[in-house]
Amino acid sequence: MKQAFKIILGLALIAAGVLWILSLTGVLTFEFSTKGWWALFVIVPCLFGLINDKDKVGPCIGIGVGVLLLLAARDVISWNMMWQIALALMVIGFGIQLLFFKGCHHHEACEIKTVSRDGKNIRRIETAFGKQNLTFAGEKFEGADVQTSFGGLTLNLKGAEITDQAFIDLNVGFAGVSIIVPEGLAVQIAVTSGFGGVSDKRYTKVNSGTPQLIIIGKVGFGGVEIRN
């Protein structure tokens, strides 16, 4: 994460310096404006995803949509054109994903890798372009890294063995995730979102104590639902 931040900050500083020199020399004239600054909340997380994540298609589409939002907010292109181009980018991304990347299809079991980190067995789940239901009943659950795009994913933790503290690290782009938790499990939510959100629809909410599930990560153009 630190290395990714240094790369992005370095590129931003270089770009700012070059634009400054071009403006001073009269090669390029522009006026500084904060109009459309909120589009950076889409562009910057996707830049991090492009550097850190295995899936490159989702972050690239996110960056493209973020740039289009910025251009539309600054009246460079119309909002109608912006949404049409954004839709075209999603179609192109869908085609690239189907041709060059392995995804999980409807009703097809996803391969879940287990890695050891900090003395815990962490599931690494990657899905794209499909609907997937995963259940962990009767299994010891210590954590999961979840990356999903252009589809739907349900994680059912009812019946899972959570003895102390477990976490789910989400990376969701243009997708929906539903997390089903058992009664009595404390849940802490710390998810950042851009053009998406997290909804806590548990009938009985427990937010402190043990065992505890911590849900972190980022959501862009998607949604996460927690229920029991």
Protein backbone atom coordinates (compact mmCIF):
# COMPACT_ATOMS: atom_id res chain seq x y z
CA MET A 1 0.00 0.00 0.00
CA LYS A 2 2.80 2.42 0.85
CA GLN A 3 4.59 1.63 -2.41
CA ALA A 4 1.37 2.15 -4.39
CA PHE A 5 0.78 5.48 -2.66
CA LYS A 6 4.33 6.61 -3.48
CA ILE A 7 3.90 5.66 -7.15
CA ILE A 8 0.58 7.48 -7.51
CA LEU A 9 1.81 10.55 -5.61
CA GLY A 10 5.00 10.63 -7.68
CA LEU A 11 3.09 10.45 -10.97
CA ALA A 12 0.68 13.15 -9.80
CA LEU A 13 3.54 15.47 -8.84
CA ILE A 14 5.33 14.90 -12.14
CA ALA A 15 2.13 15.61 -14.10
CA ALA A 16 1.44 18.75 -12.04
CA GLY A 17 5.00 20.00 -12.60
CA VAL A 18 4.88 19.39 -16.36
CA LEU A 19 1.53 21.18 -16.68
CA TRP A 20 2.88 24.07 -14.63
CA ILE A 21 5.92 24.45 -16.92
CA LEU A 22 3.75 24.23 -20.05
CA SER A 23 1.48 26.92 -18.66
CA LEU A 24 4.39 29.23 -17.76
CA THR A 25 5.95 28.88 -21.21
CA GLY A 26 2.64 29.46 -22.99
CA VAL A 27 2.64 26.05 -24.65
CA LEU A 28 -0.55 25.12 -22.83
CA THR A 29 -2.96 27.53 -21.22
CA PHE A 30 -5.36 26.43 -18.55
CA GLU A 31 -6.97 27.79 -15.42
CA PHE A 32 -6.86 25.92 -12.15
CA SER A 33 -10.33 24.91 -10.97
CA THR A 34 -11.70 22.52 -8.37
CA LYS A 35 -14.80 21.88 -10.45
CA GLY A 36 -15.49 18.16 -10.56
CA TRP A 37 -12.93 17.37 -7.86
CA TRP A 38 -15.26 14.71 -6.42
CA ALA A 39 -14.47 12.47 -9.42
CA LEU A 40 -11.10 11.82 -7.75
CA PHE A 41 -12.97 9.65 -5.22
CA VAL A 42 -13.56 7.27 -8.14
CA ILE A 43 -10.24 7.68 -9.96
CA VAL A 44 -7.80 7.40 -7.03
CA PRO A 45 -9.16 4.12 -5.51
CA CYS A 46 -9.18 2.60 -8.99
CA LEU A 47 -5.54 3.65 -9.48
CA PHE A 48 -4.68 1.82 -6.26
CA GLY A 49 -6.62 -1.19 -7.55
CA LEU A 50 -4.78 -1.08 -10.87
CA ILE A 51 -1.43 -1.29 -9.07
CA ASN A 52 -2.33 -3.73 -6.29
CA ASP A 53 -5.09 -5.98 -7.61
CA LYS A 54 -4.77 -9.00 -9.82
CA ASP A 55 -7.85 -7.99 -11.79
CA LYS A 56 -6.92 -5.05 -14.03
CA VAL A 57 -10.08 -4.76 -16.12
CA GLY A 58 -12.33 -3.49 -13.32
CA PRO A 59 -9.93 -0.73 -12.16
CA CYS A 60 -9.31 0.35 -15.77
CA ILE A 61 -13.04 0.73 -16.37
CA GLY A 62 -13.36 2.60 -13.07
CA ILE A 63 -10.58 5.00 -14.07
CA GLY A 64 -12.23 5.56 -17.44
CA VAL A 65 -15.60 6.28 -15.84
CA GLY A 66 -13.94 8.59 -13.30
CA VAL A 67 -12.23 10.57 -16.05
CA LEU A 68 -15.53 10.82 -17.93
CA LEU A 69 -17.25 12.11 -14.79
CA LEU A 70 -14.52 14.73 -14.42
CA LEU A 71 -14.84 15.83 -18.05
CA ALA A 72 -18.63 16.03 -17.79
CA ALA A 73 -18.46 18.02 -14.54
CA ARG A 74 -16.12 20.50 -16.23
CA ASP A 75 -18.45 20.77 -19.27
CA VAL A 76 -15.88 19.30 -21.66
CA ILE A 77 -18.42 16.66 -22.72
CA SER A 78 -22.16 16.47 -22.13
CA TRP A 79 -23.61 14.27 -19.40
CA ASN A 80 -25.59 12.36 -22.03
CA MET A 81 -22.39 11.57 -23.95
CA MET A 82 -20.62 10.70 -20.69
CA TRP A 83 -23.13 7.95 -19.82
CA GLN A 84 -23.10 6.57 -23.36
CA ILE A 85 -19.30 6.35 -23.41
CA ALA A 86 -19.30 4.82 -19.89
CA LEU A 87 -21.73 2.13 -21.06
CA ALA A 88 -19.52 1.45 -24.08
CA LEU A 89 -16.49 1.08 -21.77
CA MET A 90 -18.36 -1.48 -19.67
CA VAL A 91 -19.27 -3.45 -22.80
CA ILE A 92 -15.62 -3.39 -23.94
CA GLY A 93 -14.46 -4.47 -20.47
CA PHE A 94 -16.97 -7.31 -20.51
CA GLY A 95 -15.60 -8.51 -23.84
CA ILE A 96 -11.97 -8.29 -22.71
CA GLN A 97 -12.77 -10.17 -19.51
CA LEU A 98 -14.48 -12.98 -21.43
CA LEU A 99 -11.62 -13.30 -23.93
CA PHE A 100 -8.55 -13.01 -21.73
CA PHE A 101 -9.49 -13.61 -18.10
CA LYS A 102 -10.84 -16.63 -16.31
CA GLY A 103 -14.10 -15.93 -14.53
CA CYS A 104 -16.75 -17.85 -12.63
CA HIS A 105 -19.87 -18.66 -14.59
CA HIS A 106 -23.39 -19.07 -13.29
CA HIS A 107 -23.76 -22.24 -11.19
CA GLU A 108 -20.07 -23.02 -11.62
CA ALA A 109 -18.01 -23.62 -8.49
CA CYS A 110 -15.26 -21.09 -7.93
CA GLU A 111 -11.83 -22.17 -6.91
CA ILE A 112 -11.08 -20.78 -3.47
CA LYS A 113 -7.44 -20.54 -2.54
CA THR A 114 -6.33 -20.60 1.07
CA VAL A 115 -3.27 -18.62 2.10
CA SER A 116 -1.60 -18.32 5.48
CA ARG A 117 -1.25 -14.81 6.86
CA ASP A 118 -0.49 -13.69 10.41
CA GLY A 119 -1.04 -17.22 11.63
CA LYS A 120 -4.52 -17.43 10.09
CA ASN A 121 -5.88 -19.32 7.11
CA ILE A 122 -7.36 -16.74 4.77
CA ARG A 123 -9.62 -17.61 1.85
CA ARG A 124 -8.88 -15.78 -1.38
CA ILE A 125 -12.04 -15.56 -3.46
CA GLU A 126 -12.16 -14.10 -6.98
CA THR A 127 -15.32 -14.00 -9.09
CA ALA A 128 -16.35 -12.12 -12.23
CA PHE A 129 -19.33 -12.09 -14.57
CA GLY A 130 -21.54 -14.54 -12.74
CA LYS A 131 -23.62 -15.29 -9.69
CA GLN A 132 -21.99 -17.33 -6.96
CA ASN A 133 -23.20 -18.64 -3.60
CA LEU A 134 -20.56 -19.77 -1.10
CA THR A 135 -21.29 -21.33 2.27
CA PHE A 136 -18.86 -22.07 5.11
CA ALA A 137 -21.09 -24.17 7.38
CA GLY A 138 -19.06 -26.58 9.48
CA GLU A 139 -15.77 -24.90 8.56
CA LYS A 140 -13.41 -22.76 10.61
CA PHE A 141 -13.57 -19.26 9.19
CA GLU A 142 -10.72 -16.85 10.01
CA GLY A 143 -10.93 -14.41 7.13
CA ALA A 144 -11.34 -13.85 3.40
CA ASP A 145 -10.01 -11.58 0.67
CA VAL A 146 -12.88 -11.09 -1.76
CA GLN A 147 -12.53 -9.61 -5.23
CA THR A 148 -15.63 -9.54 -7.42
CA SER A 149 -16.73 -7.58 -10.46
CA PHE A 150 -19.67 -7.55 -12.84
CA GLY A 151 -21.72 -10.13 -11.00
CA GLY A 152 -23.20 -11.20 -7.69
CA LEU A 153 -21.70 -13.03 -4.73
CA THR A 154 -23.29 -14.41 -1.56
CA LEU A 155 -21.13 -15.39 1.42
CA ASN A 156 -23.09 -17.47 3.93
CA LEU A 157 -21.35 -17.66 7.31
CA LYS A 158 -24.20 -19.38 9.14
CA GLY A 159 -22.83 -22.50 10.78
CA ALA A 160 -19.22 -21.37 10.30
CA GLU A 161 -16.83 -21.63 13.24
CA ILE A 162 -15.61 -18.16 14.24
CA THR A 163 -13.85 -18.43 17.57
CA ASP A 164 -12.37 -14.99 18.10
CA GLN A 165 -12.05 -12.44 15.32
CA ALA A 166 -12.34 -12.82 11.56
CA PHE A 167 -12.35 -10.31 8.75
CA ILE A 168 -13.58 -9.93 5.19
CA ASP A 169 -11.58 -7.60 2.92
CA LEU A 170 -13.77 -6.56 -0.02
CA ASN A 171 -12.82 -5.25 -3.44
CA VAL A 172 -16.14 -4.81 -5.26
CA GLY A 173 -16.56 -3.16 -8.65
CA PHE A 174 -19.82 -3.10 -10.60
CA ALA A 175 -21.13 -5.98 -8.51
CA GLY A 176 -23.27 -6.87 -5.52
CA VAL A 177 -22.21 -8.82 -2.43
CA SER A 178 -24.50 -10.29 0.22
CA ILE A 179 -22.97 -11.44 3.52
CA ILE A 180 -25.17 -13.64 5.71
CA VAL A 181 -24.01 -13.71 9.34
CA PRO A 182 -25.25 -15.88 12.23
CA GLU A 183 -27.18 -14.50 15.18
CA GLY A 184 -24.98 -13.20 17.99
CA LEU A 185 -21.96 -12.48 15.80
CA ALA A 186 -20.64 -8.96 16.39
CA VAL A 187 -20.05 -7.08 13.13
CA GLN A 188 -17.89 -4.02 12.54
CA ILE A 189 -18.14 -2.30 9.13
CA ALA A 190 -15.39 -0.05 7.76
CA VAL A 191 -15.92 -0.05 3.99
CA THR A 192 -15.20 2.92 1.72
CA SER A 193 -17.50 3.38 -1.25
CA GLY A 194 -17.73 5.44 -4.40
CA PHE A 195 -21.02 5.37 -6.28
CA GLY A 196 -22.03 2.42 -4.14
CA GLY A 197 -22.79 1.64 -0.56
CA VAL A 198 -23.17 -0.79 2.31
CA SER A 199 -26.53 -1.60 3.89
CA ASP A 200 -26.83 -3.35 7.25
CA LYS A 201 -30.12 -5.27 7.16
CA ARG A 202 -29.60 -7.52 10.18
CA TYR A 203 -32.75 -8.08 12.23
CA THR A 204 -30.70 -8.25 15.43
CA LYS A 205 -27.56 -6.14 15.43
CA VAL A 206 -24.59 -6.91 17.65
CA ASN A 207 -21.64 -4.54 17.14
CA SER A 208 -19.29 -5.39 20.02
CA GLY A 209 -17.94 -8.40 21.84
CA THR A 210 -16.66 -11.74 20.58
CA PRO A 211 -16.75 -13.54 18.27
CA GLN A 212 -16.44 -10.62 15.89
CA LEU A 213 -16.46 -10.14 12.12
CA ILE A 214 -14.73 -7.06 10.68
CA ILE A 215 -15.71 -6.06 7.15
CA ILE A 216 -13.29 -3.71 5.38
CA GLY A 217 -12.34 -2.79 1.82
CA LYS A 218 -13.82 -0.70 -0.97
CA VAL A 219 -16.91 -0.69 -3.16
CA GLY A 220 -17.19 1.13 -6.47
CA PHE A 221 -20.39 1.13 -8.52
CA GLY A 222 -21.81 -1.70 -6.47
CA GLY A 223 -23.44 -2.61 -3.20
CA VAL A 224 -22.87 -4.74 -0.12
CA GLU A 225 -25.66 -6.10 2.06
CA ILE A 226 -25.21 -7.64 5.52
CA ARG A 227 -28.09 -9.72 6.88
CA ASN A 228 -28.86 -12.58 9.25
